[in-house]
């Protein structure tokens, strides 16, 4: 996690969690529950963002999640931090996914992350589509929470992008014992779309006050340009702030 956090700080301005409508924290309470988090899939960064969010909000949980076995071969370090290779679009891959997810839904010390769209998709693309696996897991399990998470990487006022995340409403599996896989699939698709829409509205507004900052990355342009600005500030007897847009504390 030290490496992951350092790597993300080099490539993002900040990681931000959308606050609840009340303005308070928006992290779901998961005490003692198995948890499957299913997400959209906007980019390569997703697994590392999941780990950073989990480490910040749920540090006592172990993190696991499926990833394309071919991609895992190219980025083998992901296997060392909890990501498990599967073969997508195959019976063998589907069976392995269900086996891993069912095991996770019997563990109260695990967060199981699933990029439910399967392939990269623009976060504003509609309609939102997800693969059927998460619905099958929900129908087969008899306990635990299934929680949508939306992710975006917009550019605001700095050189580096923001990593924005938002949780949707947790779904307690035990509350819907007769719901079949297709019904779960449709319901979870709608919830993820609602969560993505909520995050998109906040991302377009560009208001940092709507978010809690989970991590801070690099600010400013860097290199000779910031060195010149720093020198100007020093000669004027002023404090140098590399930020292009100053946020309210």
Foldseek 3Di string as FASTA:
>chain_A
DVVLQQVVLAFAQFEWEFDDPVLHRFDDDQPQFQEEEEEAAADPCVVSSVVLVCCLPPVQAQEAEEDAQVVCVVVVVVVVRHYDHAHPPDPRRLVVRLVVLLVSRVDSRYYYYHNFQRDHDHLPDPDFAGDLSVLQSLLPDQWGKYKYKYWDWACDQFPHTYIYMYIFDIDTSNVCNPDHSVNSRVVVSVRNNVRSVVRVVVVVVRASSSIDTSGGHDAADDDPVLVVQCVVCVVVVHDDDRHRDDHDD
